[in-house]
Amino acid sequence: MAGFAFVSATYRRDDQAQIVGWPLRRFGRFAVFLLIGYVLYSPVAKLNHISLVTADKWQAFLGVDALQCLAVTLALLQLFALSVRTRMQFLILTLITCVTVVALTPAVWRANWEAVLPAALAAYMTPQGGSLFPVFPWSAYSLLGAALGAIYVGTNHVGGFSMRVLGAGGVTMVTASLVGSLLPWQPLGSTDFWSTSPNQFLLRGGLVCVGIGLVAHVSRRLSRLPDALNALARQSLLVYAVHLCVVYGSAWNRGLRSWYGQTLAFGPAVAWVILLWASVISLAYGWHSCKLRNPKTAQWNTQAAALGLVGRLL
């Protein structure tokens, strides 16, 4: 969805018209994603404690999570948009890059990148350094979303796009994944279905396409999104960061995992999920309303929060 949203915000309906204004502002926003991704895994609450950080905490800090992977991929998509003239050229370049990432993943994961790259950069290549979302293969999903977004901008028809592109395309990908997993031929060398195999990418990508296609098809009956959903969509970064701190904790707070671990029974676990959903929806709705009605107040609150975090680090 990040890749899809990027294209929707970048290209006009006209194939020849491209909106690439304020690229520096966009790169700045991607840098914020990167910064937040690392801050969420800060190994210390105070910088003067940095000498006490253990090797395990350093590894967790340098590991690449969803925000870092998105930041790098979106920056790459912005470079693509700046380097080509038309949406069709962008579509072809993005698809080629997506296929290349998927095809190279088995070989990339077999290599020892820490022997040739600093640990912080090697973490973007494989999960060996503790990364949950290394660029290989996870960037391929955002690249696929960008390619689908480029197709949608050209069609501008939700019904046909949801059924013929997302629905039919998703079913084709899932079918190809299942067939491919049964074949003994492995042109990319030895792969693991659940991590490095292209069949896993086809399965996940296909299922997501089918799911989004169904949602898009049903959404044609809606004249506007419910306010809560609209707020969640627009404040997804805030929701993502806050829910990680609540569930897993951070250098400055204890999360549910540290309080309960894996001790909750089914009923209490469901109750916590419901409470968390209600809390983040309320947070997203309140913050979105504040940004719409009092943009200066929202800006001051954002700056105050950033200064407060810096102050705690110092």
C-alpha atoms as a PDB file:
ATOM      1  CA  MET A   1       0.000   0.000   0.000  1.00  0.00           C
ATOM      2  CA  ALA A   2       2.937   2.370   0.578  1.00  0.00           C
ATOM      3  CA  GLY A   3       4.086   1.914  -3.019  1.00  0.00           C
ATOM      4  CA  PHE A   4       0.533   2.303  -4.310  1.00  0.00           C
ATOM      5  CA  ALA A   5       0.005   5.491  -2.310  1.00  0.00           C
ATOM      6  CA  PHE A   6       3.327   6.880  -3.536  1.00  0.00           C
ATOM      7  CA  VAL A   7       2.270   6.550  -7.177  1.00  0.00           C
ATOM      8  CA  SER A   8      -1.189   7.993  -6.488  1.00  0.00           C
ATOM      9  CA  ALA A   9       0.484  11.074  -4.995  1.00  0.00           C
ATOM     10  CA  THR A  10       3.090  11.329  -7.755  1.00  0.00           C
ATOM     11  CA  TYR A  11       1.366  10.874 -11.115  1.00  0.00           C
ATOM     12  CA  ARG A  12      -1.600  12.551 -12.707  1.00  0.00           C
ATOM     13  CA  ARG A  13      -4.199  10.671 -14.713  1.00  0.00           C
ATOM     14  CA  ASP A  14      -2.466  11.797 -17.872  1.00  0.00           C
ATOM     15  CA  ASP A  15       0.336   9.375 -18.749  1.00  0.00           C
ATOM     16  CA  GLN A  16       2.619  12.221 -19.797  1.00  0.00           C
ATOM     17  CA  ALA A  17       2.110  14.451 -16.770  1.00  0.00           C
ATOM     18  CA  GLN A  18       4.245  13.824 -13.744  1.00  0.00           C
ATOM     19  CA  ILE A  19       4.207  15.517 -10.382  1.00  0.00           C
ATOM     20  CA  VAL A  20       7.672  15.418  -8.849  1.00  0.00           C
ATOM     21  CA  GLY A  21       7.555  18.732  -7.047  1.00  0.00           C
ATOM     22  CA  TRP A  22       9.270  19.133  -3.731  1.00  0.00           C
ATOM     23  CA  PRO A  23      11.477  16.014  -4.054  1.00  0.00           C
ATOM     24  CA  LEU A  24      13.728  17.282  -1.245  1.00  0.00           C
ATOM     25  CA  ARG A  25      10.714  17.522   1.028  1.00  0.00           C
ATOM     26  CA  ARG A  26       9.843  13.931   0.214  1.00  0.00           C
ATOM     27  CA  PHE A  27      13.360  12.701   0.859  1.00  0.00           C
ATOM     28  CA  GLY A  28      13.201  14.561   4.156  1.00  0.00           C
ATOM     29  CA  ARG A  29      10.037  12.689   5.064  1.00  0.00           C
ATOM     30  CA  PHE A  30      11.654   9.377   4.164  1.00  0.00           C
ATOM     31  CA  ALA A  31      14.566  10.338   6.426  1.00  0.00           C
ATOM     32  CA  VAL A  32      12.046  10.855   9.240  1.00  0.00           C
ATOM     33  CA  PHE A  33      10.748   7.320   8.657  1.00  0.00           C
ATOM     34  CA  LEU A  34      14.323   6.078   8.930  1.00  0.00           C
ATOM     35  CA  LEU A  35      14.968   8.062  12.104  1.00  0.00           C
ATOM     36  CA  ILE A  36      11.771   6.902  13.814  1.00  0.00           C
ATOM     37  CA  GLY A  37      12.550   3.318  12.866  1.00  0.00           C
ATOM     38  CA  TYR A  38      15.870   3.495  14.686  1.00  0.00           C
ATOM     39  CA  VAL A  39      14.593   5.541  17.641  1.00  0.00           C
ATOM     40  CA  LEU A  40      11.938   2.903  18.359  1.00  0.00           C
ATOM     41  CA  TYR A  41      14.773   0.415  18.934  1.00  0.00           C
ATOM     42  CA  SER A  42      17.077   2.786  20.807  1.00  0.00           C
ATOM     43  CA  PRO A  43      19.287   0.679  23.114  1.00  0.00           C
ATOM     44  CA  VAL A  44      19.559   3.454  25.714  1.00  0.00           C
ATOM     45  CA  ALA A  45      17.263   5.980  27.347  1.00  0.00           C
ATOM     46  CA  LYS A  46      20.211   8.363  27.892  1.00  0.00           C
ATOM     47  CA  LEU A  47      23.132   8.880  25.531  1.00  0.00           C
ATOM     48  CA  ASN A  48      25.610   8.827  28.410  1.00  0.00           C
ATOM     49  CA  HIS A  49      24.690   5.152  28.963  1.00  0.00           C
ATOM     50  CA  ILE A  50      25.813   4.176  25.471  1.00  0.00           C
ATOM     51  CA  SER A  51      29.031   2.588  26.722  1.00  0.00           C
ATOM     52  CA  LEU A  52      26.946   0.061  28.678  1.00  0.00           C
ATOM     53  CA  VAL A  53      25.057  -1.256  25.662  1.00  0.00           C
ATOM     54  CA  THR A  54      25.451  -5.001  25.137  1.00  0.00           C
ATOM     55  CA  ALA A  55      26.138  -6.648  21.778  1.00  0.00           C
ATOM     56  CA  ASP A  56      22.586  -8.023  21.638  1.00  0.00           C
ATOM     57  CA  LYS A  57      21.077  -4.557  22.091  1.00  0.00           C
ATOM     58  CA  TRP A  58      23.347  -3.098  19.420  1.00  0.00           C
ATOM     59  CA  GLN A  59      22.244  -5.814  17.040  1.00  0.00           C
ATOM     60  CA  ALA A  60      18.574  -5.124  17.790  1.00  0.00           C
ATOM     61  CA  PHE A  61      19.153  -1.398  17.230  1.00  0.00           C
ATOM     62  CA  LEU A  62      20.891  -1.879  13.880  1.00  0.00           C
ATOM     63  CA  GLY A  63      18.307  -4.402  12.656  1.00  0.00           C
ATOM     64  CA  VAL A  64      16.061  -3.216   9.833  1.00  0.00           C
ATOM     65  CA  ASP A  65      12.353  -3.053  10.641  1.00  0.00           C
ATOM     66  CA  ALA A  66       9.384  -2.032   8.493  1.00  0.00           C
ATOM     67  CA  LEU A  67      10.002   1.729   8.635  1.00  0.00           C
ATOM     68  CA  GLN A  68      13.631   1.507   7.545  1.00  0.00           C
ATOM     69  CA  CYS A  69      12.743  -0.813   4.674  1.00  0.00           C
ATOM     70  CA  LEU A  70       9.920   1.511   3.592  1.00  0.00           C
ATOM     71  CA  ALA A  71      12.161   4.573   3.794  1.00  0.00           C
ATOM     72  CA  VAL A  72      14.778   3.034   1.503  1.00  0.00           C
ATOM     73  CA  THR A  73      12.197   1.665  -0.943  1.00  0.00           C
ATOM     74  CA  LEU A  74      10.227   4.907  -1.166  1.00  0.00           C
ATOM     75  CA  ALA A  75      13.446   6.851  -1.724  1.00  0.00           C
ATOM     76  CA  LEU A  76      14.249   4.459  -4.580  1.00  0.00           C
ATOM     77  CA  LEU A  77      10.776   4.988  -6.056  1.00  0.00           C
ATOM     78  CA  GLN A  78      11.287   8.747  -5.855  1.00  0.00           C
ATOM     79  CA  LEU A  79      14.555   8.383  -7.766  1.00  0.00           C
ATOM     80  CA  PHE A  80      12.708   6.315 -10.373  1.00  0.00           C
ATOM     81  CA  ALA A  81      10.051   9.022 -10.707  1.00  0.00           C
ATOM     82  CA  LEU A  82      12.740  11.654 -11.194  1.00  0.00           C
ATOM     83  CA  SER A  83      14.660   9.617 -13.746  1.00  0.00           C
ATOM     84  CA  VAL A  84      11.856   8.644 -16.170  1.00  0.00           C
ATOM     85  CA  ARG A  85       9.507  10.765 -18.233  1.00  0.00           C
ATOM     86  CA  THR A  86       6.247   8.812 -18.240  1.00  0.00           C
ATOM     87  CA  ARG A  87       4.168   6.654 -15.984  1.00  0.00           C
ATOM     88  CA  MET A  88       4.629   3.679 -18.324  1.00  0.00           C
ATOM     89  CA  GLN A  89       8.406   3.951 -18.062  1.00  0.00           C
ATOM     90  CA  PHE A  90       8.048   4.109 -14.289  1.00  0.00           C
ATOM     91  CA  LEU A  91       5.841   1.001 -14.381  1.00  0.00           C
ATOM     92  CA  ILE A  92       8.369  -0.999 -16.431  1.00  0.00           C
ATOM     93  CA  LEU A  93      11.322   0.095 -14.299  1.00  0.00           C
ATOM     94  CA  THR A  94       9.494  -0.746 -11.079  1.00  0.00           C
ATOM     95  CA  LEU A  95       8.417  -4.188 -12.297  1.00  0.00           C
ATOM     96  CA  ILE A  96      11.928  -5.037 -13.446  1.00  0.00           C
ATOM     97  CA  THR A  97      13.334  -3.989 -10.075  1.00  0.00           C
ATOM     98  CA  CYS A  98      10.669  -5.980  -8.221  1.00  0.00           C
ATOM     99  CA  VAL A  99      11.451  -9.169 -10.155  1.00  0.00           C
ATOM    100  CA  THR A 100      15.183  -8.581  -9.707  1.00  0.00           C
ATOM    101  CA  VAL A 101      14.862  -8.226  -5.917  1.00  0.00           C
ATOM    102  CA  VAL A 102      12.820 -11.430  -5.672  1.00  0.00           C
ATOM    103  CA  ALA A 103      15.179 -13.359  -7.938  1.00  0.00           C
ATOM    104  CA  LEU A 104      18.321 -12.194  -6.123  1.00  0.00           C
ATOM    105  CA  THR A 105      17.021 -12.851  -2.599  1.00  0.00           C
ATOM    106  CA  PRO A 106      18.241 -16.487  -2.338  1.00  0.00           C
ATOM    107  CA  ALA A 107      21.770 -15.544  -3.430  1.00  0.00           C
ATOM    108  CA  VAL A 108      21.813 -12.412  -1.253  1.00  0.00           C
ATOM    109  CA  TRP A 109      20.765 -14.388   1.826  1.00  0.00           C
ATOM    110  CA  ARG A 110      23.503 -16.971   1.207  1.00  0.00           C
ATOM    111  CA  ALA A 111      26.230 -14.302   1.156  1.00  0.00           C
ATOM    112  CA  ASN A 112      28.080 -13.100   4.259  1.00  0.00           C
ATOM    113  CA  TRP A 113      27.520  -9.345   3.958  1.00  0.00           C
ATOM    114  CA  GLU A 114      28.951  -8.542   7.361  1.00  0.00           C
ATOM    115  CA  ALA A 115      32.355  -9.544   6.000  1.00  0.00           C
ATOM    116  CA  VAL A 116      32.275  -6.806   3.346  1.00  0.00           C
ATOM    117  CA  LEU A 117      29.884  -4.175   4.732  1.00  0.00           C
ATOM    118  CA  PRO A 118      29.483  -2.367   8.058  1.00  0.00           C
ATOM    119  CA  ALA A 119      26.916  -4.051  10.289  1.00  0.00           C
ATOM    120  CA  ALA A 120      24.465  -1.162   9.850  1.00  0.00           C
ATOM    121  CA  LEU A 121      24.459  -1.645   6.054  1.00  0.00           C
ATOM    122  CA  ALA A 122      24.663  -5.443   6.087  1.00  0.00           C
ATOM    123  CA  ALA A 123      21.424  -5.456   8.102  1.00  0.00           C
ATOM    124  CA  TYR A 124      19.576  -4.147   5.033  1.00  0.00           C
ATOM    125  CA  MET A 125      20.551  -7.209   3.018  1.00  0.00           C
ATOM    126  CA  THR A 126      19.637 -10.251   5.135  1.00  0.00           C
ATOM    127  CA  PRO A 127      18.125 -11.136   8.521  1.00  0.00           C
ATOM    128  CA  GLN A 128      21.441 -12.515   9.778  1.00  0.00           C
ATOM    129  CA  GLY A 129      22.069  -9.347  11.791  1.00  0.00           C
ATOM    130  CA  GLY A 130      18.637  -9.444  13.418  1.00  0.00           C
ATOM    131  CA  SER A 131      16.624  -7.588  10.777  1.00  0.00           C
ATOM    132  CA  LEU A 132      12.921  -8.345  10.579  1.00  0.00           C
ATOM    133  CA  PHE A 133      12.371  -6.639   7.217  1.00  0.00           C
ATOM    134  CA  PRO A 134      15.581  -6.571   5.140  1.00  0.00           C
ATOM    135  CA  VAL A 135      15.338  -4.963   1.713  1.00  0.00           C
ATOM    136  CA  PHE A 136      15.643  -8.431   0.181  1.00  0.00           C
ATOM    137  CA  PRO A 137      12.863  -9.502  -0.303  1.00  0.00           C
ATOM    138  CA  TRP A 138      10.556  -7.093   1.552  1.00  0.00           C
ATOM    139  CA  SER A 139      11.098  -4.083  -0.703  1.00  0.00           C
ATOM    140  CA  ALA A 140       9.617  -6.147  -3.536  1.00  0.00           C
ATOM    141  CA  TYR A 141       6.145  -5.834  -1.994  1.00  0.00           C
ATOM    142  CA  SER A 142       6.280  -2.029  -2.043  1.00  0.00           C
ATOM    143  CA  LEU A 143       7.646  -2.176  -5.589  1.00  0.00           C
ATOM    144  CA  LEU A 144       4.747  -4.421  -6.601  1.00  0.00           C
ATOM    145  CA  GLY A 145       2.334  -1.954  -4.992  1.00  0.00           C
ATOM    146  CA  ALA A 146       3.922   0.898  -6.933  1.00  0.00           C
ATOM    147  CA  ALA A 147       3.539  -1.044 -10.192  1.00  0.00           C
ATOM    148  CA  LEU A 148      -0.121  -1.708  -9.402  1.00  0.00           C
ATOM    149  CA  GLY A 149      -0.568   1.975  -8.583  1.00  0.00           C
ATOM    150  CA  ALA A 150       0.880   2.923 -11.954  1.00  0.00           C
ATOM    151  CA  ILE A 151      -1.607   0.594 -13.650  1.00  0.00           C
ATOM    152  CA  TYR A 152      -4.500   2.040 -11.659  1.00  0.00           C
ATOM    153  CA  VAL A 153      -3.596   5.638 -12.483  1.00  0.00           C
ATOM    154  CA  GLY A 154      -3.800   4.688 -16.154  1.00  0.00           C
ATOM    155  CA  THR A 155      -7.195   2.969 -15.857  1.00  0.00           C
ATOM    156  CA  ASN A 156      -8.923   5.189 -13.258  1.00  0.00           C
ATOM    157  CA  HIS A 157     -11.702   2.593 -12.939  1.00  0.00           C
ATOM    158  CA  VAL A 158     -12.039   0.976  -9.517  1.00  0.00           C
ATOM    159  CA  GLY A 159     -14.404  -1.804 -10.596  1.00  0.00           C
ATOM    160  CA  GLY A 160     -12.348  -3.067 -13.511  1.00  0.00           C
ATOM    161  CA  PHE A 161      -9.068  -2.629 -11.667  1.00  0.00           C
ATOM    162  CA  SER A 162     -10.261  -4.491  -8.563  1.00  0.00           C
ATOM    163  CA  MET A 163     -11.561  -7.473 -10.549  1.00  0.00           C
ATOM    164  CA  ARG A 164      -9.267  -7.779 -13.574  1.00  0.00           C
ATOM    165  CA  VAL A 165      -5.965  -6.589 -12.115  1.00  0.00           C
ATOM    166  CA  LEU A 166      -6.111  -7.240  -8.368  1.00  0.00           C
ATOM    167  CA  GLY A 167      -8.531 -10.159  -8.334  1.00  0.00           C
ATOM    168  CA  ALA A 168      -7.441 -12.055 -11.433  1.00  0.00           C
ATOM    169  CA  GLY A 169      -3.804 -11.088 -10.967  1.00  0.00           C
ATOM    170  CA  GLY A 170      -3.834 -12.181  -7.338  1.00  0.00           C
ATOM    171  CA  VAL A 171      -5.409 -15.549  -8.138  1.00  0.00           C
ATOM    172  CA  THR A 172      -2.809 -16.062 -10.883  1.00  0.00           C
ATOM    173  CA  MET A 173       0.026 -15.296  -8.456  1.00  0.00           C
ATOM    174  CA  VAL A 174      -1.326 -17.691  -5.815  1.00  0.00           C
ATOM    175  CA  THR A 175      -1.792 -20.432  -8.411  1.00  0.00           C
ATOM    176  CA  ALA A 176       1.726 -19.901  -9.766  1.00  0.00           C
ATOM    177  CA  SER A 177       3.066 -20.099  -6.205  1.00  0.00           C
ATOM    178  CA  LEU A 178       1.347 -23.403  -5.471  1.00  0.00           C
ATOM    179  CA  VAL A 179       2.402 -24.918  -8.792  1.00  0.00           C
ATOM    180  CA  GLY A 180       5.962 -23.639  -8.421  1.00  0.00           C
ATOM    181  CA  SER A 181       6.293 -25.093  -4.923  1.00  0.00           C
ATOM    182  CA  LEU A 182       5.466 -28.564  -6.311  1.00  0.00           C
ATOM    183  CA  LEU A 183       8.036 -28.451  -9.082  1.00  0.00           C
ATOM    184  CA  PRO A 184      11.462 -29.979  -8.337  1.00  0.00           C
ATOM    185  CA  TRP A 185      13.242 -27.430 -10.528  1.00  0.00           C
ATOM    186  CA  GLN A 186      15.042 -24.683  -8.574  1.00  0.00           C
ATOM    187  CA  PRO A 187      16.733 -22.314 -11.026  1.00  0.00           C
ATOM    188  CA  LEU A 188      17.759 -19.929  -8.229  1.00  0.00           C
ATOM    189  CA  GLY A 189      19.461 -22.616  -6.184  1.00  0.00           C
ATOM    190  CA  SER A 190      18.311 -23.980  -2.862  1.00  0.00           C
ATOM    191  CA  THR A 191      15.528 -21.864  -1.339  1.00  0.00           C
ATOM    192  CA  ASP A 192      13.287 -21.988   1.697  1.00  0.00           C
ATOM    193  CA  PHE A 193       9.594 -21.606   0.872  1.00  0.00           C
ATOM    194  CA  TRP A 194       8.848 -19.428   3.894  1.00  0.00           C
ATOM    195  CA  SER A 195      11.709 -16.975   3.442  1.00  0.00           C
ATOM    196  CA  THR A 196      13.739 -16.849   0.216  1.00  0.00           C
ATOM    197  CA  SER A 197      11.580 -18.659  -2.323  1.00  0.00           C
ATOM    198  CA  PRO A 198       9.905 -16.598  -5.081  1.00  0.00           C
ATOM    199  CA  ASN A 199       6.878 -18.801  -4.462  1.00  0.00           C
ATOM    200  CA  GLN A 200       6.483 -17.199  -1.042  1.00  0.00           C
ATOM    201  CA  PHE A 201       6.482 -13.745  -2.620  1.00  0.00           C
ATOM    202  CA  LEU A 202       3.873 -14.867  -5.155  1.00  0.00           C
ATOM    203  CA  LEU A 203       1.706 -16.367  -2.401  1.00  0.00           C
ATOM    204  CA  ARG A 204       1.826 -13.357  -0.088  1.00  0.00           C
ATOM    205  CA  GLY A 205       1.534 -10.816  -2.868  1.00  0.00           C
ATOM    206  CA  GLY A 206      -1.304 -12.725  -4.511  1.00  0.00           C
ATOM    207  CA  LEU A 207      -3.309 -13.083  -1.308  1.00  0.00           C
ATOM    208  CA  VAL A 208      -2.911  -9.391  -0.517  1.00  0.00           C
ATOM    209  CA  CYS A 209      -4.012  -8.462  -4.048  1.00  0.00           C
ATOM    210  CA  VAL A 210      -7.131 -10.632  -3.743  1.00  0.00           C
ATOM    211  CA  GLY A 211      -7.955  -9.160  -0.330  1.00  0.00           C
ATOM    212  CA  ILE A 212      -7.480  -5.568  -1.439  1.00  0.00           C
ATOM    213  CA  GLY A 213      -9.393  -6.289  -4.631  1.00  0.00           C
ATOM    214  CA  LEU A 214     -12.398  -7.466  -2.614  1.00  0.00           C
ATOM    215  CA  VAL A 215     -12.220  -4.406  -0.357  1.00  0.00           C
ATOM    216  CA  ALA A 216     -11.927  -2.104  -3.384  1.00  0.00           C
ATOM    217  CA  HIS A 217     -14.885  -3.789  -5.073  1.00  0.00           C
ATOM    218  CA  VAL A 218     -17.092  -3.449  -1.987  1.00  0.00           C
ATOM    219  CA  SER A 219     -15.941   0.129  -1.340  1.00  0.00           C
ATOM    220  CA  ARG A 220     -17.523   1.308  -4.585  1.00  0.00           C
ATOM    221  CA  ARG A 221     -20.799   1.437  -2.656  1.00  0.00           C
ATOM    222  CA  LEU A 222     -19.348   3.961  -0.200  1.00  0.00           C
ATOM    223  CA  SER A 223     -19.563   7.640  -1.032  1.00  0.00           C
ATOM    224  CA  ARG A 224     -16.987   8.471   1.668  1.00  0.00           C
ATOM    225  CA  LEU A 225     -14.875   6.669   4.214  1.00  0.00           C
ATOM    226  CA  PRO A 226     -16.040   6.593   7.840  1.00  0.00           C
ATOM    227  CA  ASP A 227     -14.207   9.255   9.819  1.00  0.00           C
ATOM    228  CA  ALA A 228     -12.391   6.686  11.989  1.00  0.00           C
ATOM    229  CA  LEU A 229     -11.049   4.807   8.959  1.00  0.00           C
ATOM    230  CA  ASN A 230     -10.028   8.035   7.279  1.00  0.00           C
ATOM    231  CA  ALA A 231      -8.130   9.088  10.401  1.00  0.00           C
ATOM    232  CA  LEU A 232      -6.428   5.689  10.669  1.00  0.00           C
ATOM    233  CA  ALA A 233      -5.345   5.852   7.029  1.00  0.00           C
ATOM    234  CA  ARG A 234      -3.896   9.350   7.347  1.00  0.00           C
ATOM    235  CA  GLN A 235      -2.227   8.816  10.728  1.00  0.00           C
ATOM    236  CA  SER A 236      -0.862   5.321  10.126  1.00  0.00           C
ATOM    237  CA  LEU A 237       2.708   6.338  11.018  1.00  0.00           C
ATOM    238  CA  LEU A 238       1.613   7.599  14.435  1.00  0.00           C
ATOM    239  CA  VAL A 239      -0.473   4.473  15.033  1.00  0.00           C
ATOM    240  CA  TYR A 240       2.406   2.216  14.003  1.00  0.00           C
ATOM    241  CA  ALA A 241       4.948   3.896  16.299  1.00  0.00           C
ATOM    242  CA  VAL A 242       2.632   4.123  19.313  1.00  0.00           C
ATOM    243  CA  HIS A 243       1.354   0.569  19.078  1.00  0.00           C
ATOM    244  CA  LEU A 244       4.925  -0.778  18.954  1.00  0.00           C
ATOM    245  CA  CYS A 245       5.774   1.098  22.150  1.00  0.00           C
ATOM    246  CA  VAL A 246       2.604  -0.142  23.849  1.00  0.00           C
ATOM    247  CA  VAL A 247       3.008  -3.782  22.830  1.00  0.00           C
ATOM    248  CA  TYR A 248       6.787  -4.226  22.859  1.00  0.00           C
ATOM    249  CA  GLY A 249       7.996  -1.274  24.918  1.00  0.00           C
ATOM    250  CA  SER A 250      10.972   0.984  24.252  1.00  0.00           C
ATOM    251  CA  ALA A 251      13.991   2.411  26.043  1.00  0.00           C
ATOM    252  CA  TRP A 252      11.605   4.763  27.881  1.00  0.00           C
ATOM    253  CA  ASN A 253       8.642   2.540  28.720  1.00  0.00           C
ATOM    254  CA  ARG A 254       7.657  -1.030  29.476  1.00  0.00           C
ATOM    255  CA  GLY A 255       5.339  -2.686  27.008  1.00  0.00           C
ATOM    256  CA  LEU A 256       2.722  -5.374  27.384  1.00  0.00           C
ATOM    257  CA  ARG A 257       5.310  -7.997  26.474  1.00  0.00           C
ATOM    258  CA  SER A 258       7.442  -7.123  29.493  1.00  0.00           C
ATOM    259  CA  TRP A 259       4.385  -7.065  31.765  1.00  0.00           C
ATOM    260  CA  TYR A 260       2.707 -10.260  30.603  1.00  0.00           C
ATOM    261  CA  GLY A 261       5.078 -12.077  28.244  1.00  0.00           C
ATOM    262  CA  GLN A 262       3.220 -15.050  26.775  1.00  0.00           C
ATOM    263  CA  THR A 263       1.122 -15.745  29.877  1.00  0.00           C
ATOM    264  CA  LEU A 264      -2.254 -14.333  28.789  1.00  0.00           C
ATOM    265  CA  ALA A 265      -5.102 -16.720  28.090  1.00  0.00           C
ATOM    266  CA  PHE A 266      -7.271 -16.268  24.998  1.00  0.00           C
ATOM    267  CA  GLY A 267      -9.945 -14.117  26.641  1.00  0.00           C
ATOM    268  CA  PRO A 268      -7.620 -11.536  28.246  1.00  0.00           C
ATOM    269  CA  ALA A 269      -5.522 -11.412  25.086  1.00  0.00           C
ATOM    270  CA  VAL A 270      -8.602 -10.570  23.001  1.00  0.00           C
ATOM    271  CA  ALA A 271      -9.617  -7.938  25.540  1.00  0.00           C
ATOM    272  CA  TRP A 272      -6.191  -6.286  25.245  1.00  0.00           C
ATOM    273  CA  VAL A 273      -6.451  -6.345  21.444  1.00  0.00           C
ATOM    274  CA  ILE A 274      -9.852  -4.649  21.561  1.00  0.00           C
ATOM    275  CA  LEU A 275      -8.590  -2.061  24.054  1.00  0.00           C
ATOM    276  CA  LEU A 276      -5.515  -1.383  21.910  1.00  0.00           C
ATOM    277  CA  TRP A 277      -7.614  -0.964  18.760  1.00  0.00           C
ATOM    278  CA  ALA A 278     -10.005   1.403  20.538  1.00  0.00           C
ATOM    279  CA  SER A 279      -7.075   3.411  21.923  1.00  0.00           C
ATOM    280  CA  VAL A 280      -5.216   3.836  18.631  1.00  0.00           C
ATOM    281  CA  ILE A 281      -8.414   4.685  16.752  1.00  0.00           C
ATOM    282  CA  SER A 282      -9.182   7.367  19.331  1.00  0.00           C
ATOM    283  CA  LEU A 283      -5.614   8.641  19.143  1.00  0.00           C
ATOM    284  CA  ALA A 284      -5.646   8.756  15.329  1.00  0.00           C
ATOM    285  CA  TYR A 285      -9.046  10.458  15.233  1.00  0.00           C
ATOM    286  CA  GLY A 286      -8.122  13.042  17.863  1.00  0.00           C
ATOM    287  CA  TRP A 287      -4.759  13.868  16.290  1.00  0.00           C
ATOM    288  CA  HIS A 288      -6.241  14.034  12.778  1.00  0.00           C
ATOM    289  CA  SER A 289      -8.971  16.381  13.997  1.00  0.00           C
ATOM    290  CA  CYS A 290      -6.377  18.562  15.736  1.00  0.00           C
ATOM    291  CA  LYS A 291      -4.292  18.824  12.543  1.00  0.00           C
ATOM    292  CA  LEU A 292      -7.372  19.834  10.532  1.00  0.00           C
ATOM    293  CA  ARG A 293      -8.859  22.325  12.973  1.00  0.00           C
ATOM    294  CA  ASN A 294      -5.742  23.675  14.682  1.00  0.00           C
ATOM    295  CA  PRO A 295      -2.749  23.058  12.414  1.00  0.00           C
ATOM    296  CA  LYS A 296      -0.508  25.438  14.357  1.00  0.00           C
ATOM    297  CA  THR A 297      -1.316  23.695  17.629  1.00  0.00           C
ATOM    298  CA  ALA A 298      -0.577  20.332  16.011  1.00  0.00           C
ATOM    299  CA  GLN A 299       2.742  21.661  14.723  1.00  0.00           C
ATOM    300  CA  TRP A 300       3.692  22.975  18.153  1.00  0.00           C
ATOM    301  CA  ASN A 301       2.762  19.655  19.760  1.00  0.00           C
ATOM    302  CA  THR A 302       4.903  17.784  17.217  1.00  0.00           C
ATOM    303  CA  GLN A 303       7.877  20.047  17.864  1.00  0.00           C
ATOM    304  CA  ALA A 304       7.379  19.785  21.620  1.00  0.00           C
ATOM    305  CA  ALA A 305       7.296  15.976  21.427  1.00  0.00           C
ATOM    306  CA  ALA A 306      10.482  15.930  19.335  1.00  0.00           C
ATOM    307  CA  LEU A 307      12.260  18.305  21.727  1.00  0.00           C
ATOM    308  CA  GLY A 308      11.055  16.249  24.692  1.00  0.00           C
ATOM    309  CA  LEU A 309      12.501  13.087  23.172  1.00  0.00           C
ATOM    310  CA  VAL A 310      15.816  14.794  22.459  1.00  0.00           C
ATOM    311  CA  GLY A 311      15.859  16.139  25.994  1.00  0.00           C
ATOM    312  CA  ARG A 312      15.340  12.694  27.459  1.00  0.00           C
ATOM    313  CA  LEU A 313      18.154  11.294  25.343  1.00  0.00           C
ATOM    314  CA  LEU A 314      20.505  14.027  26.529  1.00  0.00           C
END
